[in-house]
Amino acid sequence: MTASDSAFDPPGTRAEVEEGTSLTPRFDRDGLVACIAVDAHDGRVLMLAHMNAESLARTIATGEAWYWSRSRQELWHKGATSGQIQRVVEMRVDCDQDALLIRVEVGGDGGCCHTGRRACFYRRVVRGVDGAVTLEASGA
């Protein structure tokens, strides 16, 4: 799917984008929009991924999360091999339609991260008194 055959109309005026009722995502120069997935039950941030027009359209059509893998340069049906299918409970778009937030129920073992953890955000950035920055594990 290319920009010319996208399932979505191009963004209109600022007022239409910010206050209108049409989903007109503002894809970046690579044709992507950021998507944050959170657990529908406890609100925990699970992951950040990217969607292109095709993966966004598939997500809307199927009710399951589809992403664009930047590293593999291919569509990615989350959970297709792991069983961790993300069923979309709700989708939101931010004010200027360049980021998405999806509330999901995760199938399988409930995990999300390819490292085997529940969420991808399992380390926090810590700045020491000496100014050194390190990463510290803060949960699965």
C-alpha atoms as a PDB file:
ATOM      1  CA  MET A   1       0.000   0.000   0.000  1.00  0.00           C
ATOM      2  CA  THR A   2       1.445   3.351  -0.987  1.00  0.00           C
ATOM      3  CA  ALA A   3       0.509   6.846   0.079  1.00  0.00           C
ATOM      4  CA  SER A   4      -1.472   7.267  -3.122  1.00  0.00           C
ATOM      5  CA  ASP A   5      -3.697   4.252  -2.383  1.00  0.00           C
ATOM      6  CA  SER A   6      -3.950   4.761   1.380  1.00  0.00           C
ATOM      7  CA  ALA A   7      -7.205   3.921   3.108  1.00  0.00           C
ATOM      8  CA  PHE A   8      -7.036   7.332   4.770  1.00  0.00           C
ATOM      9  CA  ASP A   9      -7.614  10.783   3.366  1.00  0.00           C
ATOM     10  CA  PRO A  10      -4.741  13.247   3.717  1.00  0.00           C
ATOM     11  CA  PRO A  11      -4.927  15.595   6.701  1.00  0.00           C
ATOM     12  CA  GLY A  12      -6.991  18.707   6.106  1.00  0.00           C
ATOM     13  CA  THR A  13      -6.799  22.069   7.800  1.00  0.00           C
ATOM     14  CA  ARG A  14      -5.556  22.387  11.347  1.00  0.00           C
ATOM     15  CA  ALA A  15      -9.135  22.763  12.574  1.00  0.00           C
ATOM     16  CA  GLU A  16     -10.233  19.635  10.675  1.00  0.00           C
ATOM     17  CA  VAL A  17      -7.333  17.614  12.074  1.00  0.00           C
ATOM     18  CA  GLU A  18      -7.726  18.838  15.658  1.00  0.00           C
ATOM     19  CA  GLU A  19     -11.504  19.091  15.954  1.00  0.00           C
ATOM     20  CA  GLY A  20     -12.963  17.110  13.047  1.00  0.00           C
ATOM     21  CA  THR A  21     -14.477  13.657  13.036  1.00  0.00           C
ATOM     22  CA  SER A  22     -12.361  12.133  10.253  1.00  0.00           C
ATOM     23  CA  LEU A  23      -9.369   9.921  10.945  1.00  0.00           C
ATOM     24  CA  THR A  24      -6.660  11.475   8.770  1.00  0.00           C
ATOM     25  CA  PRO A  25      -3.367  10.265  10.246  1.00  0.00           C
ATOM     26  CA  ARG A  26      -0.282  12.395   9.744  1.00  0.00           C
ATOM     27  CA  PHE A  27       2.256   9.777   8.726  1.00  0.00           C
ATOM     28  CA  ASP A  28       5.906  10.818   8.942  1.00  0.00           C
ATOM     29  CA  ARG A  29       8.297  10.980   5.984  1.00  0.00           C
ATOM     30  CA  ASP A  30       8.725   7.194   6.221  1.00  0.00           C
ATOM     31  CA  GLY A  31       4.962   6.677   6.087  1.00  0.00           C
ATOM     32  CA  LEU A  32       4.711   5.777   9.783  1.00  0.00           C
ATOM     33  CA  VAL A  33       2.819   6.894  12.846  1.00  0.00           C
ATOM     34  CA  ALA A  34       3.811   6.014  16.425  1.00  0.00           C
ATOM     35  CA  CYS A  35       1.481   3.723  18.357  1.00  0.00           C
ATOM     36  CA  ILE A  36       1.556   3.148  22.102  1.00  0.00           C
ATOM     37  CA  ALA A  37      -0.084  -0.063  23.342  1.00  0.00           C
ATOM     38  CA  VAL A  38      -1.365  -0.141  26.929  1.00  0.00           C
ATOM     39  CA  ASP A  39      -3.012  -2.917  28.892  1.00  0.00           C
ATOM     40  CA  ALA A  40      -6.780  -2.429  28.748  1.00  0.00           C
ATOM     41  CA  HIS A  41      -7.218  -3.638  32.317  1.00  0.00           C
ATOM     42  CA  ASP A  42      -4.508  -1.916  34.348  1.00  0.00           C
ATOM     43  CA  GLY A  43      -3.301   0.854  32.013  1.00  0.00           C
ATOM     44  CA  ARG A  44       0.319  -0.295  32.032  1.00  0.00           C
ATOM     45  CA  VAL A  45       2.313   0.867  29.010  1.00  0.00           C
ATOM     46  CA  LEU A  46       3.269  -2.306  27.152  1.00  0.00           C
ATOM     47  CA  MET A  47       5.100  -1.126  24.060  1.00  0.00           C
ATOM     48  CA  LEU A  48       5.714   1.532  21.455  1.00  0.00           C
ATOM     49  CA  ALA A  49       5.601   0.468  17.828  1.00  0.00           C
ATOM     50  CA  HIS A  50       4.859   2.045  14.466  1.00  0.00           C
ATOM     51  CA  MET A  51       2.034   1.659  12.004  1.00  0.00           C
ATOM     52  CA  ASN A  52       1.892   2.473   8.332  1.00  0.00           C
ATOM     53  CA  ALA A  53      -1.391   3.001   6.470  1.00  0.00           C
ATOM     54  CA  GLU A  54      -1.797  -0.710   5.737  1.00  0.00           C
ATOM     55  CA  SER A  55      -1.151  -1.901   9.302  1.00  0.00           C
ATOM     56  CA  LEU A  56      -3.475   0.789  10.690  1.00  0.00           C
ATOM     57  CA  ALA A  57      -6.214  -0.225   8.240  1.00  0.00           C
ATOM     58  CA  ARG A  58      -5.743  -3.916   9.150  1.00  0.00           C
ATOM     59  CA  THR A  59      -5.860  -3.102  12.850  1.00  0.00           C
ATOM     60  CA  ILE A  60      -9.146  -1.266  12.408  1.00  0.00           C
ATOM     61  CA  ALA A  61     -10.596  -3.984  10.157  1.00  0.00           C
ATOM     62  CA  THR A  62      -9.569  -6.988  12.288  1.00  0.00           C
ATOM     63  CA  GLY A  63      -9.657  -5.572  15.818  1.00  0.00           C
ATOM     64  CA  GLU A  64      -6.170  -6.987  16.368  1.00  0.00           C
ATOM     65  CA  ALA A  65      -2.920  -5.010  16.443  1.00  0.00           C
ATOM     66  CA  TRP A  66      -0.841  -4.910  13.272  1.00  0.00           C
ATOM     67  CA  TYR A  67       2.375  -2.929  13.110  1.00  0.00           C
ATOM     68  CA  TRP A  68       5.119  -2.073  10.656  1.00  0.00           C
ATOM     69  CA  SER A  69       8.446  -3.587  11.660  1.00  0.00           C
ATOM     70  CA  ARG A  70      11.118  -1.004  10.920  1.00  0.00           C
ATOM     71  CA  SER A  71      13.917  -3.542  11.426  1.00  0.00           C
ATOM     72  CA  ARG A  72      12.393  -6.222   9.172  1.00  0.00           C
ATOM     73  CA  GLN A  73      10.653  -3.792   6.802  1.00  0.00           C
ATOM     74  CA  GLU A  74       7.436  -5.820   6.841  1.00  0.00           C
ATOM     75  CA  LEU A  75       3.950  -5.967   8.301  1.00  0.00           C
ATOM     76  CA  TRP A  76       3.832  -7.556  11.729  1.00  0.00           C
ATOM     77  CA  HIS A  77       0.693  -9.126  13.226  1.00  0.00           C
ATOM     78  CA  LYS A  78       1.538  -8.897  16.919  1.00  0.00           C
ATOM     79  CA  GLY A  79       1.335 -12.351  18.468  1.00  0.00           C
ATOM     80  CA  ALA A  80       1.066 -14.318  15.222  1.00  0.00           C
ATOM     81  CA  THR A  81       3.964 -16.556  16.265  1.00  0.00           C
ATOM     82  CA  SER A  82       4.030 -16.027  20.058  1.00  0.00           C
ATOM     83  CA  GLY A  83       0.285 -16.277  20.709  1.00  0.00           C
ATOM     84  CA  GLN A  84       0.406 -12.823  22.329  1.00  0.00           C
ATOM     85  CA  ILE A  85      -2.302 -11.447  20.031  1.00  0.00           C
ATOM     86  CA  GLN A  86      -3.310  -7.918  20.996  1.00  0.00           C
ATOM     87  CA  ARG A  87      -7.088  -7.490  20.776  1.00  0.00           C
ATOM     88  CA  VAL A  88      -7.854  -3.792  20.475  1.00  0.00           C
ATOM     89  CA  VAL A  89     -10.417  -2.615  23.008  1.00  0.00           C
ATOM     90  CA  GLU A  90     -10.098   1.079  22.167  1.00  0.00           C
ATOM     91  CA  MET A  91      -8.072   3.237  19.813  1.00  0.00           C
ATOM     92  CA  ARG A  92      -7.361   6.923  20.321  1.00  0.00           C
ATOM     93  CA  VAL A  93      -5.541   9.459  18.200  1.00  0.00           C
ATOM     94  CA  ASP A  94      -3.730  12.501  19.571  1.00  0.00           C
ATOM     95  CA  CYS A  95      -4.657  16.106  18.818  1.00  0.00           C
ATOM     96  CA  ASP A  96      -2.648  16.428  15.613  1.00  0.00           C
ATOM     97  CA  GLN A  97      -3.185  12.825  14.513  1.00  0.00           C
ATOM     98  CA  ASP A  98       0.477  11.844  14.447  1.00  0.00           C
ATOM     99  CA  ALA A  99       0.341   9.339  17.312  1.00  0.00           C
ATOM    100  CA  LEU A 100      -2.027   6.558  18.305  1.00  0.00           C
ATOM    101  CA  LEU A 101      -2.858   4.979  21.649  1.00  0.00           C
ATOM    102  CA  ILE A 102      -4.446   1.545  21.722  1.00  0.00           C
ATOM    103  CA  ARG A 103      -5.854  -0.208  24.755  1.00  0.00           C
ATOM    104  CA  VAL A 104      -5.375  -3.940  24.260  1.00  0.00           C
ATOM    105  CA  GLU A 105      -6.097  -7.295  25.824  1.00  0.00           C
ATOM    106  CA  VAL A 106      -3.073  -9.522  25.303  1.00  0.00           C
ATOM    107  CA  GLY A 107      -3.542 -13.193  24.506  1.00  0.00           C
ATOM    108  CA  GLY A 108      -1.280 -16.116  25.256  1.00  0.00           C
ATOM    109  CA  ASP A 109       0.865 -15.660  28.340  1.00  0.00           C
ATOM    110  CA  GLY A 110       0.008 -11.931  28.457  1.00  0.00           C
ATOM    111  CA  GLY A 111       3.539 -10.921  27.547  1.00  0.00           C
ATOM    112  CA  CYS A 112       4.443  -8.324  25.034  1.00  0.00           C
ATOM    113  CA  CYS A 113       8.204  -7.855  24.822  1.00  0.00           C
ATOM    114  CA  HIS A 114      10.381 -10.063  22.647  1.00  0.00           C
ATOM    115  CA  THR A 115      12.692 -10.445  25.691  1.00  0.00           C
ATOM    116  CA  GLY A 116       9.975 -12.483  27.413  1.00  0.00           C
ATOM    117  CA  ARG A 117       8.818  -9.706  29.717  1.00  0.00           C
ATOM    118  CA  ARG A 118       5.273  -8.433  30.056  1.00  0.00           C
ATOM    119  CA  ALA A 119       6.207  -4.958  28.802  1.00  0.00           C
ATOM    120  CA  CYS A 120       9.047  -3.420  26.806  1.00  0.00           C
ATOM    121  CA  PHE A 121       9.625  -0.620  29.321  1.00  0.00           C
ATOM    122  CA  TYR A 122      11.367  -2.699  32.010  1.00  0.00           C
ATOM    123  CA  ARG A 123      14.370  -0.425  32.702  1.00  0.00           C
ATOM    124  CA  ARG A 124      14.550   3.077  34.037  1.00  0.00           C
ATOM    125  CA  VAL A 125      17.199   5.660  33.300  1.00  0.00           C
ATOM    126  CA  VAL A 126      19.077   6.660  36.441  1.00  0.00           C
ATOM    127  CA  ARG A 127      21.380   9.640  36.788  1.00  0.00           C
ATOM    128  CA  GLY A 128      23.915   9.140  39.556  1.00  0.00           C
ATOM    129  CA  VAL A 129      25.264  11.839  41.850  1.00  0.00           C
ATOM    130  CA  ASP A 130      28.403  11.876  39.703  1.00  0.00           C
ATOM    131  CA  GLY A 131      26.277  12.571  36.629  1.00  0.00           C
ATOM    132  CA  ALA A 132      26.771   9.099  35.136  1.00  0.00           C
ATOM    133  CA  VAL A 133      23.687   7.690  33.450  1.00  0.00           C
ATOM    134  CA  THR A 134      22.863   4.020  33.838  1.00  0.00           C
ATOM    135  CA  LEU A 135      19.918   1.691  33.298  1.00  0.00           C
ATOM    136  CA  GLU A 136      18.261  -0.081  36.194  1.00  0.00           C
ATOM    137  CA  ALA A 137      15.825  -2.992  35.928  1.00  0.00           C
ATOM    138  CA  SER A 138      12.491  -1.965  37.386  1.00  0.00           C
ATOM    139  CA  GLY A 139      10.170  -4.883  36.701  1.00  0.00           C
ATOM    140  CA  ALA A 140       9.061  -7.221  33.953  1.00  0.00           C
END
